[in-house]
């Protein structure tokens, strides 16, 4: 049972990390959606100046930047869940191996 406070502290630390990461990701998504909406609304101007490929590349770069954030969030959650499972099973093993 001594592992429970450690697991709780780990979960709290991950919760704070996930909250910051989610906030940043939401801001990036809102920015990308705003850019996309602006470009679609002004598609005639974009086409007039032949900037379709440049705008698509710019939007792709924004999405690539978000992919790194999503990857960090997935790694963090995987480490947390794996650590919790390992800790829980290790505690169970310790308890079951000490009982006669």
C-alpha atoms as a PDB file:
ATOM      1  CA  UNK A   1       0.000   0.000   0.000  1.00  0.00           C
ATOM      2  CA  UNK A   2       2.995   2.295   0.239  1.00  0.00           C
ATOM      3  CA  UNK A   3       2.913   2.681  -3.545  1.00  0.00           C
ATOM      4  CA  UNK A   4      -0.498   4.409  -3.518  1.00  0.00           C
ATOM      5  CA  UNK A   5       0.826   7.889  -2.592  1.00  0.00           C
ATOM      6  CA  UNK A   6       3.524   7.601  -5.240  1.00  0.00           C
ATOM      7  CA  UNK A   7       0.932   6.625  -7.848  1.00  0.00           C
ATOM      8  CA  UNK A   8      -1.271   9.521  -6.743  1.00  0.00           C
ATOM      9  CA  UNK A   9       1.577  12.024  -7.036  1.00  0.00           C
ATOM     10  CA  UNK A  10       2.438  10.696 -10.488  1.00  0.00           C
ATOM     11  CA  UNK A  11      -1.173  11.011 -11.589  1.00  0.00           C
ATOM     12  CA  UNK A  12      -1.359  14.576 -10.265  1.00  0.00           C
ATOM     13  CA  UNK A  13       1.846  15.564 -12.024  1.00  0.00           C
ATOM     14  CA  UNK A  14       0.613  14.064 -15.285  1.00  0.00           C
ATOM     15  CA  UNK A  15      -2.745  15.815 -14.858  1.00  0.00           C
ATOM     16  CA  UNK A  16      -1.034  19.188 -14.657  1.00  0.00           C
ATOM     17  CA  UNK A  17       1.174  18.375 -17.633  1.00  0.00           C
ATOM     18  CA  UNK A  18      -1.805  17.169 -19.668  1.00  0.00           C
ATOM     19  CA  UNK A  19      -3.781  20.291 -18.816  1.00  0.00           C
ATOM     20  CA  UNK A  20      -0.986  22.588 -20.067  1.00  0.00           C
ATOM     21  CA  UNK A  21      -0.522  20.485 -23.181  1.00  0.00           C
ATOM     22  CA  UNK A  22      -4.241  20.368 -23.938  1.00  0.00           C
ATOM     23  CA  UNK A  23      -4.539  24.133 -23.539  1.00  0.00           C
ATOM     24  CA  UNK A  24      -1.662  24.702 -25.963  1.00  0.00           C
ATOM     25  CA  UNK A  25      -3.089  22.204 -28.422  1.00  0.00           C
ATOM     26  CA  UNK A  26      -6.526  23.844 -28.332  1.00  0.00           C
ATOM     27  CA  UNK A  27      -4.925  27.221 -29.033  1.00  0.00           C
ATOM     28  CA  UNK A  28      -3.013  25.791 -32.007  1.00  0.00           C
ATOM     29  CA  UNK A  29      -6.146  24.103 -33.383  1.00  0.00           C
ATOM     30  CA  UNK A  30      -8.119  27.335 -33.048  1.00  0.00           C
ATOM     31  CA  UNK A  31      -5.360  29.206 -34.865  1.00  0.00           C
ATOM     32  CA  UNK A  32      -5.258  26.639 -37.689  1.00  0.00           C
ATOM     33  CA  UNK A  33      -9.037  26.627 -38.051  1.00  0.00           C
ATOM     34  CA  UNK A  34      -9.074  30.428 -38.115  1.00  0.00           C
ATOM     35  CA  UNK A  35      -6.468  30.504 -40.863  1.00  0.00           C
ATOM     36  CA  UNK A  36      -8.335  27.855 -42.848  1.00  0.00           C
ATOM     37  CA  UNK A  37     -11.653  29.699 -42.510  1.00  0.00           C
ATOM     38  CA  UNK A  38     -10.057  32.956 -43.606  1.00  0.00           C
ATOM     39  CA  UNK A  39      -8.467  31.342 -46.650  1.00  0.00           C
ATOM     40  CA  UNK A  40     -11.636  29.513 -47.672  1.00  0.00           C
ATOM     41  CA  UNK A  41     -13.679  32.704 -47.286  1.00  0.00           C
ATOM     42  CA  UNK A  42     -11.201  34.522 -49.545  1.00  0.00           C
ATOM     43  CA  UNK A  43     -10.638  31.678 -52.001  1.00  0.00           C
ATOM     44  CA  UNK A  44     -11.188  33.970 -54.982  1.00  0.00           C
ATOM     45  CA  UNK A  45      -8.320  36.210 -53.877  1.00  0.00           C
ATOM     46  CA  UNK A  46      -6.089  33.224 -53.178  1.00  0.00           C
ATOM     47  CA  UNK A  47      -6.803  31.806 -56.623  1.00  0.00           C
ATOM     48  CA  UNK A  48      -6.404  35.180 -58.283  1.00  0.00           C
ATOM     49  CA  UNK A  49      -2.833  35.425 -57.054  1.00  0.00           C
ATOM     50  CA  UNK A  50      -2.112  31.709 -57.592  1.00  0.00           C
ATOM     51  CA  UNK A  51      -1.360  31.032 -53.930  1.00  0.00           C
ATOM     52  CA  UNK A  52      -3.224  27.724 -53.490  1.00  0.00           C
ATOM     53  CA  UNK A  53      -0.083  25.640 -53.062  1.00  0.00           C
ATOM     54  CA  UNK A  54       1.539  28.124 -50.688  1.00  0.00           C
ATOM     55  CA  UNK A  55      -1.572  28.284 -48.515  1.00  0.00           C
ATOM     56  CA  UNK A  56      -1.842  24.490 -48.479  1.00  0.00           C
ATOM     57  CA  UNK A  57       1.828  24.260 -47.464  1.00  0.00           C
ATOM     58  CA  UNK A  58       1.331  26.837 -44.699  1.00  0.00           C
ATOM     59  CA  UNK A  59      -1.672  24.939 -43.349  1.00  0.00           C
ATOM     60  CA  UNK A  60       0.286  21.674 -43.540  1.00  0.00           C
ATOM     61  CA  UNK A  61       3.088  23.205 -41.483  1.00  0.00           C
ATOM     62  CA  UNK A  62       0.578  24.240 -38.834  1.00  0.00           C
ATOM     63  CA  UNK A  63      -0.784  20.706 -38.692  1.00  0.00           C
ATOM     64  CA  UNK A  64       2.729  19.254 -38.483  1.00  0.00           C
ATOM     65  CA  UNK A  65       3.415  21.458 -35.473  1.00  0.00           C
ATOM     66  CA  UNK A  66       0.325  20.090 -33.764  1.00  0.00           C
ATOM     67  CA  UNK A  67       1.382  16.514 -34.500  1.00  0.00           C
ATOM     68  CA  UNK A  68       4.404  16.929 -32.229  1.00  0.00           C
ATOM     69  CA  UNK A  69       2.200  18.121 -29.385  1.00  0.00           C
ATOM     70  CA  UNK A  70      -0.179  15.199 -29.862  1.00  0.00           C
ATOM     71  CA  UNK A  71       2.769  12.809 -29.874  1.00  0.00           C
ATOM     72  CA  UNK A  72       4.077  14.243 -26.590  1.00  0.00           C
ATOM     73  CA  UNK A  73       0.614  13.879 -25.043  1.00  0.00           C
ATOM     74  CA  UNK A  74       0.380  10.259 -26.185  1.00  0.00           C
ATOM     75  CA  UNK A  75       3.832   9.458 -24.783  1.00  0.00           C
ATOM     76  CA  UNK A  76       2.962  11.079 -21.464  1.00  0.00           C
ATOM     77  CA  UNK A  77      -0.296   9.188 -21.153  1.00  0.00           C
ATOM     78  CA  UNK A  78       1.385   5.930 -22.128  1.00  0.00           C
ATOM     79  CA  UNK A  79       4.066   6.406 -19.490  1.00  0.00           C
ATOM     80  CA  UNK A  80       1.467   7.211 -16.851  1.00  0.00           C
ATOM     81  CA  UNK A  81      -0.776   4.260 -17.650  1.00  0.00           C
ATOM     82  CA  UNK A  82       2.150   1.875 -17.991  1.00  0.00           C
ATOM     83  CA  UNK A  83       3.644   3.098 -14.724  1.00  0.00           C
ATOM     84  CA  UNK A  84       0.321   2.767 -12.911  1.00  0.00           C
ATOM     85  CA  UNK A  85      -0.202  -0.760 -14.225  1.00  0.00           C
ATOM     86  CA  UNK A  86       3.357  -1.783 -13.344  1.00  0.00           C
ATOM     87  CA  UNK A  87       3.077  -0.296  -9.860  1.00  0.00           C
ATOM     88  CA  UNK A  88      -0.286  -1.897  -9.226  1.00  0.00           C
ATOM     89  CA  UNK A  89       0.789  -5.342 -10.370  1.00  0.00           C
ATOM     90  CA  UNK A  90       4.078  -5.075  -8.486  1.00  0.00           C
ATOM     91  CA  UNK A  91       2.190  -4.200  -5.293  1.00  0.00           C
ATOM     92  CA  UNK A  92      -0.171  -7.127  -5.868  1.00  0.00           C
ATOM     93  CA  UNK A  93       2.776  -9.455  -6.402  1.00  0.00           C
ATOM     94  CA  UNK A  94       4.475  -8.204  -3.261  1.00  0.00           C
ATOM     95  CA  UNK A  95       1.347  -8.722  -1.179  1.00  0.00           C
ATOM     96  CA  UNK A  96       0.593 -12.145  -2.610  1.00  0.00           C
ATOM     97  CA  UNK A  97       4.173 -13.392  -2.256  1.00  0.00           C
ATOM     98  CA  UNK A  98       4.442 -12.385   1.421  1.00  0.00           C
ATOM     99  CA  UNK A  99       1.226 -14.113   2.482  1.00  0.00           C
ATOM    100  CA  UNK A 100       1.651 -17.741   3.521  1.00  0.00           C
END
